[in-house]
Amino acid sequence: MRLKFRPVDSSFYDLFSEAANHLVVGAQLLSEMLSDGSSKADIAQRMREAEHAADETTHSIVRRVNSTFVTPFDREDIYNLASALDDVMDMMDEAVDLVLLYEVTSLPPETTQQVEVLQRCAELTAAAMPSLESMASLDEYWIEINRLENTGDKSYRRILANLFSGEFEALEVLKLKDIVESLEGAIDAFEKVANIVEQIAVKES
């Protein structure tokens, strides 16, 4: 481990933890949106508020980078990690918005597994962010995220096969495909976060 004798603004770690906690909220709202009997308009409004809060945290990170002389790791890596965390929230917000706009009342059962993967990814990411300060045990985090992403890919392929089985009307296929692609995009975005964390850990080791 490289020794560091420079003062570092530790608030970056708090901000990354804050950003990841927004994702836990977003994943929970997404789960609520896809459950039976949910008030979709209310959940969509709460998701918009959560997405706005996530944007504010991202802006805070960028402002802090621009006003800090010494950062805990490379500025480009900080920008990339903040952007990747924000991308996850954007994709979950998109999925919720599409369910509302398309007036979807029922989704393929396999989407439940996609949402479960997203919730688990959010929990793991929120738990991992504080470890950026010490860079300890982060390999377990990105390995598990990559495994979950593979699980999400399999669910996505099964959903697509089901959608094109002839069971659904053409217009319904288009609507549902948009939604499951947003869910898949959110899972992929979590993997990008994990990959950036891995790159940072390798550089700092």
Protein backbone atom coordinates (compact mmCIF):
# COMPACT_ATOMS: atom_id res chain seq x y z
CA MET A 1 0.00 0.00 0.00
CA ARG A 2 1.40 3.38 -0.98
CA LEU A 3 2.00 5.65 2.02
CA LYS A 4 0.34 9.05 1.85
CA PHE A 5 1.61 12.13 3.65
CA ARG A 6 -0.78 14.64 2.17
CA PRO A 7 -3.88 16.23 3.72
CA VAL A 8 -7.01 14.95 2.02
CA ASP A 9 -10.58 16.23 2.09
CA SER A 10 -12.41 13.25 3.58
CA SER A 11 -15.83 14.72 2.75
CA PHE A 12 -15.58 13.02 -0.66
CA TYR A 13 -16.15 9.66 1.02
CA ASP A 14 -19.27 10.98 2.75
CA LEU A 15 -20.60 12.32 -0.54
CA PHE A 16 -20.03 9.03 -2.34
CA SER A 17 -21.82 7.22 0.49
CA GLU A 18 -24.66 9.72 0.21
CA ALA A 19 -24.88 9.11 -3.55
CA ALA A 20 -25.00 5.34 -3.05
CA ASN A 21 -27.70 5.65 -0.39
CA HIS A 22 -29.87 7.47 -2.92
CA LEU A 23 -29.63 4.32 -5.05
CA VAL A 24 -30.97 2.19 -2.19
CA VAL A 25 -33.98 4.50 -2.02
CA GLY A 26 -34.40 4.38 -5.80
CA ALA A 27 -34.27 0.58 -5.92
CA GLN A 28 -36.89 0.36 -3.17
CA LEU A 29 -39.18 2.77 -5.03
CA LEU A 30 -38.70 0.74 -8.20
CA SER A 31 -39.73 -2.40 -6.32
CA GLU A 32 -42.83 -0.61 -5.04
CA MET A 33 -43.65 0.62 -8.55
CA LEU A 34 -43.71 -2.92 -9.91
CA SER A 35 -45.77 -4.37 -7.07
CA ASP A 36 -49.50 -4.98 -7.34
CA GLY A 37 -51.87 -2.35 -6.01
CA SER A 38 -49.27 0.40 -5.82
CA SER A 39 -50.12 4.07 -6.32
CA LYS A 40 -47.98 4.54 -9.40
CA ALA A 41 -48.38 8.31 -9.69
CA ASP A 42 -47.34 8.77 -6.06
CA ILE A 43 -44.34 6.47 -6.40
CA ALA A 44 -43.27 8.19 -9.63
CA GLN A 45 -43.36 11.55 -7.83
CA ARG A 46 -41.27 10.17 -4.97
CA MET A 47 -38.80 8.76 -7.50
CA ARG A 48 -38.51 12.15 -9.19
CA GLU A 49 -37.72 13.68 -5.81
CA ALA A 50 -35.15 10.96 -5.10
CA GLU A 51 -33.56 11.45 -8.52
CA HIS A 52 -33.38 15.21 -7.91
CA ALA A 53 -31.69 14.58 -4.54
CA ALA A 54 -29.20 12.26 -6.27
CA ASP A 55 -28.45 14.96 -8.84
CA GLU A 56 -27.77 17.44 -6.05
CA THR A 57 -25.28 15.05 -4.47
CA THR A 58 -23.55 14.59 -7.84
CA HIS A 59 -23.32 18.36 -8.24
CA SER A 60 -21.88 18.63 -4.72
CA ILE A 61 -19.15 16.13 -5.62
CA VAL A 62 -18.28 18.05 -8.79
CA ARG A 63 -18.22 21.38 -6.92
CA ARG A 64 -15.99 19.85 -4.25
CA VAL A 65 -13.54 18.55 -6.86
CA ASN A 66 -13.39 21.95 -8.52
CA SER A 67 -12.71 23.74 -5.23
CA THR A 68 -10.32 21.25 -3.60
CA PHE A 69 -6.59 21.39 -4.16
CA VAL A 70 -5.82 17.84 -2.94
CA THR A 71 -8.32 15.08 -3.72
CA PRO A 72 -8.29 11.54 -2.23
CA PHE A 73 -7.66 10.03 -5.66
CA ASP A 74 -7.47 11.14 -9.27
CA ARG A 75 -9.94 13.85 -10.23
CA GLU A 76 -10.93 12.00 -13.38
CA ASP A 77 -11.77 8.91 -11.31
CA ILE A 78 -13.89 11.03 -8.96
CA TYR A 79 -15.80 12.50 -11.89
CA ASN A 80 -16.27 9.06 -13.45
CA LEU A 81 -17.50 7.46 -10.23
CA ALA A 82 -19.92 10.31 -9.50
CA SER A 83 -21.26 10.14 -13.05
CA ALA A 84 -21.65 6.35 -12.96
CA LEU A 85 -23.58 6.48 -9.67
CA ASP A 86 -25.83 9.14 -11.18
CA ASP A 87 -26.39 7.00 -14.28
CA VAL A 88 -27.78 4.17 -12.14
CA MET A 89 -30.36 6.50 -10.61
CA ASP A 90 -31.28 7.89 -14.01
CA MET A 91 -31.95 4.41 -15.39
CA MET A 92 -34.12 3.42 -12.42
CA ASP A 93 -36.01 6.71 -12.71
CA GLU A 94 -36.54 6.00 -16.41
CA ALA A 95 -38.02 2.56 -15.67
CA VAL A 96 -40.44 4.02 -13.12
CA ASP A 97 -41.42 6.82 -15.50
CA LEU A 98 -42.08 4.38 -18.35
CA VAL A 99 -44.34 2.20 -16.17
CA LEU A 100 -46.40 5.32 -15.39
CA LEU A 101 -46.43 6.76 -18.92
CA TYR A 102 -47.23 3.44 -20.61
CA GLU A 103 -49.92 2.70 -17.98
CA VAL A 104 -48.48 -0.78 -17.51
CA THR A 105 -50.43 -2.83 -14.97
CA SER A 106 -48.60 -6.13 -15.31
CA LEU A 107 -44.99 -7.06 -16.04
CA PRO A 108 -43.43 -10.43 -16.86
CA PRO A 109 -42.72 -12.36 -13.61
CA GLU A 110 -39.00 -12.47 -14.44
CA THR A 111 -38.75 -8.69 -13.89
CA THR A 112 -39.00 -9.46 -10.18
CA GLN A 113 -35.56 -11.02 -10.34
CA GLN A 114 -34.18 -7.98 -12.17
CA VAL A 115 -35.47 -5.72 -9.41
CA GLU A 116 -34.08 -8.03 -6.72
CA VAL A 117 -30.69 -7.83 -8.43
CA LEU A 118 -30.93 -4.03 -8.47
CA GLN A 119 -31.82 -3.89 -4.80
CA ARG A 120 -28.91 -6.14 -3.89
CA CYS A 121 -26.51 -4.12 -6.06
CA ALA A 122 -27.70 -0.93 -4.36
CA GLU A 123 -27.16 -2.39 -0.89
CA LEU A 124 -23.68 -3.66 -1.76
CA THR A 125 -22.68 -0.36 -3.35
CA ALA A 126 -23.88 1.64 -0.34
CA ALA A 127 -21.92 -0.69 1.95
CA ALA A 128 -18.79 -0.42 -0.23
CA MET A 129 -18.53 3.36 -0.57
CA PRO A 130 -17.19 4.01 2.98
CA SER A 131 -14.41 1.48 2.24
CA LEU A 132 -13.02 3.79 -0.45
CA GLU A 133 -11.14 5.59 2.31
CA SER A 134 -9.17 2.50 3.33
CA MET A 135 -9.55 0.52 0.07
CA ALA A 136 -10.08 -2.58 2.23
CA SER A 137 -12.07 -5.65 1.10
CA LEU A 138 -13.40 -3.91 -2.00
CA ASP A 139 -12.53 -6.88 -4.21
CA GLU A 140 -15.42 -8.79 -2.64
CA TYR A 141 -17.71 -5.95 -3.68
CA TRP A 142 -16.85 -5.81 -7.36
CA ILE A 143 -16.72 -9.60 -7.70
CA GLU A 144 -20.25 -9.92 -6.30
CA ILE A 145 -21.56 -7.05 -8.45
CA ASN A 146 -20.17 -8.76 -11.56
CA ARG A 147 -21.86 -12.00 -10.51
CA LEU A 148 -25.16 -10.19 -10.00
CA GLU A 149 -24.82 -8.51 -13.39
CA ASN A 150 -24.49 -11.95 -15.00
CA THR A 151 -27.65 -13.05 -13.17
CA GLY A 152 -29.41 -9.93 -14.46
CA ASP A 153 -28.29 -10.68 -18.01
CA LYS A 154 -29.81 -14.16 -17.84
CA SER A 155 -33.10 -12.77 -16.55
CA TYR A 156 -33.10 -10.15 -19.30
CA ARG A 157 -32.64 -12.79 -22.02
CA ARG A 158 -35.43 -14.92 -20.56
CA ILE A 159 -37.75 -11.92 -20.49
CA LEU A 160 -37.00 -11.08 -24.12
CA ALA A 161 -37.64 -14.67 -25.16
CA ASN A 162 -40.95 -14.56 -23.33
CA LEU A 163 -41.95 -11.23 -24.88
CA PHE A 164 -41.37 -12.54 -28.40
CA SER A 165 -43.07 -15.87 -27.79
CA GLY A 166 -46.32 -14.71 -29.35
CA GLU A 167 -48.10 -14.46 -26.01
CA PHE A 168 -48.14 -10.64 -26.06
CA GLU A 169 -49.68 -8.11 -28.43
CA ALA A 170 -47.18 -6.17 -30.55
CA LEU A 171 -47.77 -2.82 -28.80
CA GLU A 172 -47.46 -4.46 -25.39
CA VAL A 173 -44.16 -6.04 -26.45
CA LEU A 174 -42.77 -2.61 -27.34
CA LYS A 175 -43.81 -1.09 -24.02
CA LEU A 176 -42.53 -3.95 -21.88
CA LYS A 177 -39.28 -4.18 -23.83
CA ASP A 178 -38.55 -0.50 -23.11
CA ILE A 179 -39.08 -1.06 -19.40
CA VAL A 180 -36.98 -4.22 -19.08
CA GLU A 181 -34.22 -2.56 -21.11
CA SER A 182 -34.19 0.29 -18.58
CA LEU A 183 -33.89 -2.25 -15.77
CA GLU A 184 -31.07 -3.99 -17.60
CA GLY A 185 -29.42 -0.62 -18.16
CA ALA A 186 -29.52 0.09 -14.43
CA ILE A 187 -27.89 -3.27 -13.67
CA ASP A 188 -25.19 -2.60 -16.26
CA ALA A 189 -24.64 0.84 -14.72
CA PHE A 190 -24.04 -0.78 -11.33
CA GLU A 191 -21.38 -2.96 -12.93
CA LYS A 192 -19.75 0.17 -14.37
CA VAL A 193 -19.62 1.65 -10.85
CA ALA A 194 -17.95 -1.52 -9.57
CA ASN A 195 -15.45 -1.48 -12.44
CA ILE A 196 -14.49 2.12 -11.66
CA VAL A 197 -14.05 1.25 -7.98
CA GLU A 198 -11.77 -1.62 -9.03
CA GLN A 199 -9.70 0.72 -11.22
CA ILE A 200 -9.35 3.19 -8.35
CA ALA A 201 -8.32 0.45 -5.92
CA VAL A 202 -5.68 -0.87 -8.32
CA LYS A 203 -4.22 2.62 -8.80
CA GLU A 204 -4.16 3.32 -5.07
CA SER A 205 -2.63 -0.03 -4.07
